[in-house]
C-alpha atoms as a PDB file:
ATOM      1  CA  MET A   1      75.857  64.709  81.204  1.00  0.00           C
ATOM      2  CA  GLU A   2      72.956  63.550  79.272  1.00  0.00           C
ATOM      3  CA  SER A   3      72.977  63.476  75.299  1.00  0.00           C
ATOM      4  CA  LEU A   4      70.810  63.336  72.683  1.00  0.00           C
ATOM      5  CA  THR A   5      70.838  63.168  68.705  1.00  0.00           C
ATOM      6  CA  VAL A   6      68.085  63.917  66.528  1.00  0.00           C
ATOM      7  CA  LEU A   7      66.849  64.616  63.023  1.00  0.00           C
ATOM      8  CA  ALA A   8      66.864  68.447  62.144  1.00  0.00           C
ATOM      9  CA  THR A   9      62.934  67.916  61.315  1.00  0.00           C
ATOM     10  CA  LEU A  10      60.180  70.187  63.268  1.00  0.00           C
ATOM     11  CA  LYS A  11      59.056  66.253  64.321  1.00  0.00           C
ATOM     12  CA  SER A  12      62.044  65.951  66.486  1.00  0.00           C
ATOM     13  CA  LEU A  13      61.009  69.421  68.805  1.00  0.00           C
ATOM     14  CA  ALA A  14      58.929  67.396  71.110  1.00  0.00           C
ATOM     15  CA  GLN A  15      61.898  65.032  71.717  1.00  0.00           C
ATOM     16  CA  ILE A  16      64.033  67.770  72.158  1.00  0.00           C
ATOM     17  CA  SER A  17      61.223  69.440  74.478  1.00  0.00           C
ATOM     18  CA  ALA A  18      61.027  66.045  76.753  1.00  0.00           C
ATOM     19  CA  PHE A  19      65.225  65.825  76.778  1.00  0.00           C
ATOM     20  CA  VAL A  20      65.161  69.557  77.887  1.00  0.00           C
ATOM     21  CA  ASN A  21      62.394  69.473  80.845  1.00  0.00           C
ATOM     22  CA  GLU A  22      64.296  66.375  82.170  1.00  0.00           C
ATOM     23  CA  ALA A  23      67.030  68.434  82.594  1.00  0.00           C
ATOM     24  CA  SER A  24      65.412  71.013  84.502  1.00  0.00           C
ATOM     25  CA  GLN A  25      63.875  68.756  86.824  1.00  0.00           C
ATOM     26  CA  ARG A  26      67.067  67.348  87.455  1.00  0.00           C
ATOM     27  CA  ALA A  27      68.369  70.589  87.993  1.00  0.00           C
ATOM     28  CA  GLY A  28      65.477  71.501  90.190  1.00  0.00           C
ATOM     29  CA  LEU A  29      64.326  74.710  88.525  1.00  0.00           C
ATOM     30  CA  ASP A  30      60.612  76.135  89.168  1.00  0.00           C
ATOM     31  CA  ASP A  31      57.898  75.961  86.561  1.00  0.00           C
ATOM     32  CA  HIS A  32      58.556  79.021  85.203  1.00  0.00           C
ATOM     33  CA  THR A  33      62.404  79.264  84.902  1.00  0.00           C
ATOM     34  CA  ALA A  34      61.715  75.709  83.226  1.00  0.00           C
ATOM     35  CA  TRP A  35      59.569  77.064  80.684  1.00  0.00           C
ATOM     36  CA  GLN A  36      62.336  79.709  80.112  1.00  0.00           C
ATOM     37  CA  VAL A  37      64.677  76.919  79.344  1.00  0.00           C
ATOM     38  CA  GLU A  38      62.462  75.068  77.162  1.00  0.00           C
ATOM     39  CA  LEU A  39      61.179  78.000  75.002  1.00  0.00           C
ATOM     40  CA  ALA A  40      64.866  79.281  74.735  1.00  0.00           C
ATOM     41  CA  VAL A  41      66.123  75.820  73.290  1.00  0.00           C
ATOM     42  CA  ASP A  42      62.965  75.175  71.227  1.00  0.00           C
ATOM     43  CA  GLU A  43      63.622  78.478  69.585  1.00  0.00           C
ATOM     44  CA  ALA A  44      67.457  77.211  68.938  1.00  0.00           C
ATOM     45  CA  ALA A  45      66.509  74.164  67.917  1.00  0.00           C
ATOM     46  CA  THR A  46      63.889  75.546  64.922  1.00  0.00           C
ATOM     47  CA  ASN A  47      66.314  78.176  63.963  1.00  0.00           C
ATOM     48  CA  ILE A  48      68.858  75.053  62.981  1.00  0.00           C
ATOM     49  CA  ILE A  49      65.970  72.956  61.844  1.00  0.00           C
ATOM     50  CA  GLN A  50      64.601  76.006  59.453  1.00  0.00           C
ATOM     51  CA  HIS A  51      67.601  77.721  58.296  1.00  0.00           C
ATOM     52  CA  GLY A  52      70.883  75.547  59.133  1.00  0.00           C
ATOM     53  CA  TYR A  53      70.026  73.133  56.815  1.00  0.00           C
ATOM     54  CA  ASP A  54      68.463  72.097  53.345  1.00  0.00           C
ATOM     55  CA  PRO A  55      64.634  70.956  53.929  1.00  0.00           C
ATOM     56  CA  ASP A  56      65.648  67.983  51.442  1.00  0.00           C
ATOM     57  CA  HIS A  57      68.820  66.885  53.291  1.00  0.00           C
ATOM     58  CA  PRO A  58      68.329  67.534  57.150  1.00  0.00           C
ATOM     59  CA  GLY A  59      70.797  66.998  59.132  1.00  0.00           C
ATOM     60  CA  ILE A  60      71.478  66.182  63.115  1.00  0.00           C
ATOM     61  CA  ILE A  61      71.209  68.228  65.919  1.00  0.00           C
ATOM     62  CA  GLU A  62      73.434  66.803  68.800  1.00  0.00           C
ATOM     63  CA  LEU A  63      71.822  68.129  72.339  1.00  0.00           C
ATOM     64  CA  THR A  64      73.754  67.686  75.742  1.00  0.00           C
ATOM     65  CA  TRP A  65      73.401  69.644  79.100  1.00  0.00           C
ATOM     66  CA  ARG A  66      74.775  69.478  82.327  1.00  0.00           C
ATOM     67  CA  ILE A  67      74.717  70.554  85.903  1.00  0.00           C
ATOM     68  CA  GLU A  68      77.793  72.580  87.286  1.00  0.00           C
ATOM     69  CA  ASP A  69      77.757  73.444  90.531  1.00  0.00           C
ATOM     70  CA  ASP A  70      74.957  76.471  90.192  1.00  0.00           C
ATOM     71  CA  ARG A  71      74.309  75.921  86.428  1.00  0.00           C
ATOM     72  CA  LEU A  72      72.647  74.196  83.945  1.00  0.00           C
ATOM     73  CA  VAL A  73      74.775  74.403  80.862  1.00  0.00           C
ATOM     74  CA  ILE A  74      72.782  73.067  77.686  1.00  0.00           C
ATOM     75  CA  THR A  75      74.672  72.989  74.119  1.00  0.00           C
ATOM     76  CA  LEU A  76      73.329  72.290  70.551  1.00  0.00           C
ATOM     77  CA  ARG A  77      75.410  71.501  68.102  1.00  0.00           C
ATOM     78  CA  ASP A  78      74.757  71.011  64.277  1.00  0.00           C
ATOM     79  CA  TYR A  79      76.810  70.869  60.977  1.00  0.00           C
ATOM     80  CA  GLY A  80      75.052  72.706  58.663  1.00  0.00           C
ATOM     81  CA  ARG A  81      75.479  76.053  57.507  1.00  0.00           C
ATOM     82  CA  ARG A  82      78.154  78.469  59.754  1.00  0.00           C
ATOM     83  CA  PHE A  83      75.787  80.702  61.838  1.00  0.00           C
ATOM     84  CA  ASN A  84      76.834  84.330  62.879  1.00  0.00           C
ATOM     85  CA  PRO A  85      74.889  85.702  65.051  1.00  0.00           C
ATOM     86  CA  ASP A  86      76.460  89.236  64.444  1.00  0.00           C
ATOM     87  CA  ASP A  87      74.780  88.731  60.843  1.00  0.00           C
ATOM     88  CA  VAL A  88      71.254  88.785  62.586  1.00  0.00           C
ATOM     89  CA  PRO A  89      69.866  92.733  62.959  1.00  0.00           C
ATOM     90  CA  PRO A  90      67.946  92.965  66.486  1.00  0.00           C
ATOM     91  CA  PRO A  91      64.291  93.172  66.037  1.00  0.00           C
ATOM     92  CA  ASP A  92      61.757  95.859  66.334  1.00  0.00           C
ATOM     93  CA  VAL A  93      60.068  94.850  69.552  1.00  0.00           C
ATOM     94  CA  SER A  94      58.870  98.637  69.973  1.00  0.00           C
ATOM     95  CA  SER A  95      57.216  99.632  66.702  1.00  0.00           C
ATOM     96  CA  PRO A  96      53.336  98.870  65.613  1.00  0.00           C
ATOM     97  CA  LEU A  97      53.267  95.056  65.054  1.00  0.00           C
ATOM     98  CA  GLU A  98      52.328  96.408  61.174  1.00  0.00           C
ATOM     99  CA  GLU A  99      55.677  97.922  60.442  1.00  0.00           C
ATOM    100  CA  ARG A 100      58.077  95.646  62.249  1.00  0.00           C
ATOM    101  CA  GLN A 101      60.252  93.615  59.929  1.00  0.00           C
ATOM    102  CA  PRO A 102      60.668  89.469  60.145  1.00  0.00           C
ATOM    103  CA  GLY A 103      63.235  87.698  61.580  1.00  0.00           C
ATOM    104  CA  GLY A 104      65.692  87.946  64.752  1.00  0.00           C
ATOM    105  CA  LEU A 105      63.240  86.912  67.484  1.00  0.00           C
ATOM    106  CA  GLY A 106      64.176  83.474  67.851  1.00  0.00           C
ATOM    107  CA  LEU A 107      68.108  84.787  68.789  1.00  0.00           C
ATOM    108  CA  TYR A 108      66.268  87.690  70.614  1.00  0.00           C
ATOM    109  CA  LEU A 109      64.399  85.551  73.302  1.00  0.00           C
ATOM    110  CA  MET A 110      67.475  83.298  73.377  1.00  0.00           C
ATOM    111  CA  ASN A 111      68.913  85.759  75.084  1.00  0.00           C
ATOM    112  CA  GLN A 112      66.329  87.248  77.054  1.00  0.00           C
ATOM    113  CA  LEU A 113      65.874  84.010  78.873  1.00  0.00           C
ATOM    114  CA  MET A 114      68.628  82.350  79.254  1.00  0.00           C
ATOM    115  CA  ASP A 115      71.452  83.889  81.566  1.00  0.00           C
ATOM    116  CA  GLN A 116      74.604  83.306  79.341  1.00  0.00           C
ATOM    117  CA  VAL A 117      74.466  82.853  74.932  1.00  0.00           C
ATOM    118  CA  ARG A 118      77.351  81.935  73.084  1.00  0.00           C
ATOM    119  CA  PHE A 119      78.129  80.866  69.248  1.00  0.00           C
ATOM    120  CA  ASP A 120      81.199  78.913  68.362  1.00  0.00           C
ATOM    121  CA  PHE A 121      81.907  77.947  64.668  1.00  0.00           C
ATOM    122  CA  ASP A 122      84.439  75.166  63.560  1.00  0.00           C
ATOM    123  CA  ASP A 123      85.283  74.110  60.305  1.00  0.00           C
ATOM    124  CA  THR A 124      85.139  70.734  61.161  1.00  0.00           C
ATOM    125  CA  ASP A 125      83.006  70.470  64.255  1.00  0.00           C
ATOM    126  CA  GLY A 126      80.213  72.905  62.964  1.00  0.00           C
ATOM    127  CA  ASN A 127      78.042  75.554  64.647  1.00  0.00           C
ATOM    128  CA  LEU A 128      77.941  74.879  68.572  1.00  0.00           C
ATOM    129  CA  LEU A 129      75.600  77.200  70.718  1.00  0.00           C
ATOM    130  CA  THR A 130      76.111  76.726  74.533  1.00  0.00           C
ATOM    131  CA  MET A 131      73.477  78.032  76.923  1.00  0.00           C
ATOM    132  CA  VAL A 132      73.451  78.538  80.605  1.00  0.00           C
ATOM    133  CA  LYS A 133      70.938  79.300  82.891  1.00  0.00           C
ATOM    134  CA  TYR A 134      71.674  79.924  86.796  1.00  0.00           C
ATOM    135  CA  ILE A 135      70.076  77.574  89.413  1.00  0.00           C
ATOM    136  CA  GLN A 136      69.015  79.655  92.549  1.00  0.00           C
ATOM    137  CA  PRO A 137      69.675  78.095  95.720  1.00  0.00           C
ATOM    138  CA  HIS A 138      66.458  76.627  97.193  1.00  0.00           C
ATOM    139  CA  VAL A 139      66.122  78.456 100.337  1.00  0.00           C
ATOM    140  CA  SER A 140      63.800  76.532 103.055  1.00  0.00           C
ATOM    141  CA  VAL A 141      61.510  78.520 104.754  1.00  0.00           C
ATOM    142  CA  ASP A 142      58.544  77.624 107.191  1.00  0.00           C
ATOM    143  CA  VAL A 143      55.235  78.640 104.519  1.00  0.00           C
ATOM    144  CA  ARG A 144      51.605  78.476 105.955  1.00  0.00           C
ATOM    145  CA  GLU A 145      49.216  77.936 103.002  1.00  0.00           C
ATOM    146  CA  PHE A 146      45.760  78.818 103.001  1.00  0.00           C
ATOM    147  CA  CYS A 147      43.116  77.179 100.495  1.00  0.00           C
ATOM    148  CA  LEU A 148      39.806  79.737  99.804  1.00  0.00           C
ATOM    149  CA  SER A 149      36.893  78.510  98.248  1.00  0.00           C
ATOM    150  CA  GLY A 150      33.451  80.178  97.308  1.00  0.00           C
ATOM    151  CA  ARG A 151      32.410  83.389  97.140  1.00  0.00           C
ATOM    152  CA  LEU A 152      35.268  86.228  98.754  1.00  0.00           C
ATOM    153  CA  ASP A 153      32.556  89.196  99.052  1.00  0.00           C
ATOM    154  CA  ALA A 154      32.240  91.968 101.314  1.00  0.00           C
ATOM    155  CA  VAL A 155      31.020  88.720 103.437  1.00  0.00           C
ATOM    156  CA  GLY A 156      32.888  85.750 102.513  1.00  0.00           C
ATOM    157  CA  ALA A 157      36.522  87.770 102.337  1.00  0.00           C
ATOM    158  CA  ALA A 158      36.225  88.274 105.849  1.00  0.00           C
ATOM    159  CA  LEU A 159      35.243  85.044 107.057  1.00  0.00           C
ATOM    160  CA  ALA A 160      37.769  83.186 104.554  1.00  0.00           C
ATOM    161  CA  LEU A 161      40.606  86.069 104.961  1.00  0.00           C
ATOM    162  CA  ALA A 162      40.358  85.903 108.719  1.00  0.00           C
ATOM    163  CA  PRO A 163      42.271  82.992 109.337  1.00  0.00           C
ATOM    164  CA  VAL A 164      45.292  84.727 107.173  1.00  0.00           C
ATOM    165  CA  HIS A 165      45.552  87.762 109.353  1.00  0.00           C
ATOM    166  CA  GLN A 166      45.402  85.826 112.489  1.00  0.00           C
ATOM    167  CA  ALA A 167      48.181  83.565 111.079  1.00  0.00           C
ATOM    168  CA  ILE A 168      49.968  87.299 110.377  1.00  0.00           C
ATOM    169  CA  ALA A 169      49.662  88.525 113.416  1.00  0.00           C
ATOM    170  CA  ASP A 170      50.869  84.998 115.789  1.00  0.00           C
ATOM    171  CA  GLY A 171      54.036  85.578 113.506  1.00  0.00           C
ATOM    172  CA  ALA A 172      53.776  84.098 110.035  1.00  0.00           C
ATOM    173  CA  ALA A 173      56.309  85.598 107.439  1.00  0.00           C
ATOM    174  CA  TYR A 174      55.545  83.354 104.611  1.00  0.00           C
ATOM    175  CA  VAL A 175      51.970  83.188 103.402  1.00  0.00           C
ATOM    176  CA  LEU A 176      50.614  81.151 100.873  1.00  0.00           C
ATOM    177  CA  ILE A 177      47.332  81.865  99.708  1.00  0.00           C
ATOM    178  CA  ASP A 178      45.252  79.143  96.917  1.00  0.00           C
ATOM    179  CA  PHE A 179      42.526  80.558  94.773  1.00  0.00           C
ATOM    180  CA  GLY A 180      41.936  77.518  92.960  1.00  0.00           C
ATOM    181  CA  ASN A 181      38.238  77.213  94.357  1.00  0.00           C
ATOM    182  CA  VAL A 182      37.707  80.616  94.724  1.00  0.00           C
ATOM    183  CA  THR A 183      34.495  81.898  92.012  1.00  0.00           C
ATOM    184  CA  PHE A 184      34.200  85.609  92.506  1.00  0.00           C
ATOM    185  CA  LEU A 185      36.658  88.129  94.269  1.00  0.00           C
ATOM    186  CA  SER A 186      35.455  91.697  95.357  1.00  0.00           C
ATOM    187  CA  SER A 187      37.205  94.500  95.948  1.00  0.00           C
ATOM    188  CA  THR A 188      36.637  94.091  99.625  1.00  0.00           C
ATOM    189  CA  ALA A 189      38.688  90.838  99.246  1.00  0.00           C
ATOM    190  CA  LEU A 190      41.495  93.273  97.410  1.00  0.00           C
ATOM    191  CA  ARG A 191      41.654  95.025 100.339  1.00  0.00           C
ATOM    192  CA  SER A 192      42.015  92.768 102.981  1.00  0.00           C
ATOM    193  CA  LEU A 193      44.542  91.105 100.396  1.00  0.00           C
ATOM    194  CA  LEU A 194      46.560  94.350 100.325  1.00  0.00           C
ATOM    195  CA  LEU A 195      46.548  94.880 104.799  1.00  0.00           C
ATOM    196  CA  ALA A 196      47.669  91.352 104.634  1.00  0.00           C
ATOM    197  CA  ARG A 197      50.799  91.937 102.073  1.00  0.00           C
ATOM    198  CA  LYS A 198      51.188  94.980 103.637  1.00  0.00           C
ATOM    199  CA  ASP A 199      51.966  93.419 107.634  1.00  0.00           C
ATOM    200  CA  LEU A 200      53.911  90.405 105.984  1.00  0.00           C
ATOM    201  CA  LEU A 201      56.379  93.336 104.047  1.00  0.00           C
ATOM    202  CA  GLU A 202      56.633  95.257 107.038  1.00  0.00           C
ATOM    203  CA  ARG A 203      58.623  91.967 109.075  1.00  0.00           C
ATOM    204  CA  ASN A 204      60.349  91.157 105.279  1.00  0.00           C
ATOM    205  CA  GLY A 205      57.924  88.455 104.639  1.00  0.00           C
ATOM    206  CA  GLU A 206      55.797  87.765 101.237  1.00  0.00           C
ATOM    207  CA  LEU A 207      52.653  87.071 100.306  1.00  0.00           C
ATOM    208  CA  ARG A 208      52.092  85.036  97.577  1.00  0.00           C
ATOM    209  CA  LEU A 209      48.980  83.391  95.073  1.00  0.00           C
ATOM    210  CA  CYS A 210      48.533  80.684  93.293  1.00  0.00           C
ATOM    211  CA  ASN A 211      45.444  78.779  90.383  1.00  0.00           C
ATOM    212  CA  LEU A 212      43.523  81.756  90.041  1.00  0.00           C
ATOM    213  CA  ARG A 213      40.787  81.152  87.891  1.00  0.00           C
ATOM    214  CA  PRO A 214      40.622  83.396  84.965  1.00  0.00           C
ATOM    215  CA  GLN A 215      37.605  85.525  86.215  1.00  0.00           C
ATOM    216  CA  VAL A 216      39.150  86.126  89.329  1.00  0.00           C
ATOM    217  CA  ARG A 217      42.464  86.854  87.719  1.00  0.00           C
ATOM    218  CA  GLU A 218      41.167  89.702  85.761  1.00  0.00           C
ATOM    219  CA  VAL A 219      39.667  91.492  88.837  1.00  0.00           C
ATOM    220  CA  PHE A 220      43.685  91.485  89.782  1.00  0.00           C
ATOM    221  CA  GLU A 221      44.198  92.688  85.967  1.00  0.00           C
ATOM    222  CA  LEU A 222      41.864  95.764  85.823  1.00  0.00           C
ATOM    223  CA  THR A 223      42.795  96.579  89.189  1.00  0.00           C
ATOM    224  CA  GLY A 224      46.540  96.242  88.212  1.00  0.00           C
ATOM    225  CA  PHE A 225      47.328  94.490  90.909  1.00  0.00           C
ATOM    226  CA  THR A 226      49.233  91.827  88.694  1.00  0.00           C
ATOM    227  CA  GLN A 227      51.950  94.342  89.376  1.00  0.00           C
ATOM    228  CA  VAL A 228      51.323  94.432  92.868  1.00  0.00           C
ATOM    229  CA  PHE A 229      51.204  90.911  94.141  1.00  0.00           C
ATOM    230  CA  ALA A 230      53.030  87.834  93.290  1.00  0.00           C
ATOM    231  CA  ILE A 231      50.880  85.647  91.562  1.00  0.00           C
ATOM    232  CA  HIS A 232      52.082  82.008  90.508  1.00  0.00           C
ATOM    233  CA  SER A 233      49.861  79.279  88.006  1.00  0.00           C
ATOM    234  CA  SER A 234      50.563  76.434  90.805  1.00  0.00           C
ATOM    235  CA  ARG A 235      51.778  75.583  94.009  1.00  0.00           C
ATOM    236  CA  THR A 236      54.578  74.138  92.907  1.00  0.00           C
ATOM    237  CA  GLU A 237      56.148  77.081  91.620  1.00  0.00           C
ATOM    238  CA  ALA A 238      54.829  79.663  94.365  1.00  0.00           C
ATOM    239  CA  LEU A 239      56.473  77.079  96.760  1.00  0.00           C
ATOM    240  CA  ALA A 240      59.515  77.138  94.710  1.00  0.00           C
ATOM    241  CA  ALA A 241      60.069  80.928  94.815  1.00  0.00           C
ATOM    242  CA  PHE A 242      59.911  81.775  98.809  1.00  0.00           C
ATOM    243  CA  GLY A 243      62.873  83.307  99.906  1.00  0.00           C
ATOM    244  CA  GLN A 244      64.391  83.890  96.802  1.00  0.00           C
ATOM    245  CA  GLU A 245      63.804  87.645  97.046  1.00  0.00           C
ATOM    246  CA  HIS A 246      66.470  87.630  99.753  1.00  0.00           C
ATOM    247  CA  VAL A 247      69.142  85.379  98.618  1.00  0.00           C
END
């Protein structure tokens, strides 16, 4: 178990984030899950700083993290005003922005991002917030990686994606395509990717994409294919996600 005590001021948020990121790294969380944990703890700490203590007399926040089997457990303790989550109405996340009432978003995000959230209060020990994130077991799979570059137009797509289709025909079930150096993407390339995805799904495989440049990602967004393809911000995140669907 690791612990950290900081002054309940906004200047402490960076130190808290570094503490939490170390926990996520030790737990082996992928980039996206680590971001979820970091945001949840940041929201919790910010609530304590802004609402738990008087601004002129900040108290402390005591943080701990520990790994229990398949769970990362993070606690935040403060000695400020008693907090009862039942007193906070759920935020309106469906109405137009101009009609929404402020407040409640931090607690809402914490519950959405973490697998368990529990509040306890004691007259002596203050407010104790316990949050849990489940650690997905690592599944070792054989991933074939391809790094594409340049223009994937009607000519370039056929040349660039031919090795991908050949690998799938030869039996590859898990394929990662890195788009970091791709500068142009046409509908021809999208159709070829769809065929690759279809062939992989038929053998219970997976196709994942990573490192899309903004103009390339925009093509996926305009066509609605961000809902079809598994797109990741980094190679590390993508590799960590392979096989998780079948756990």
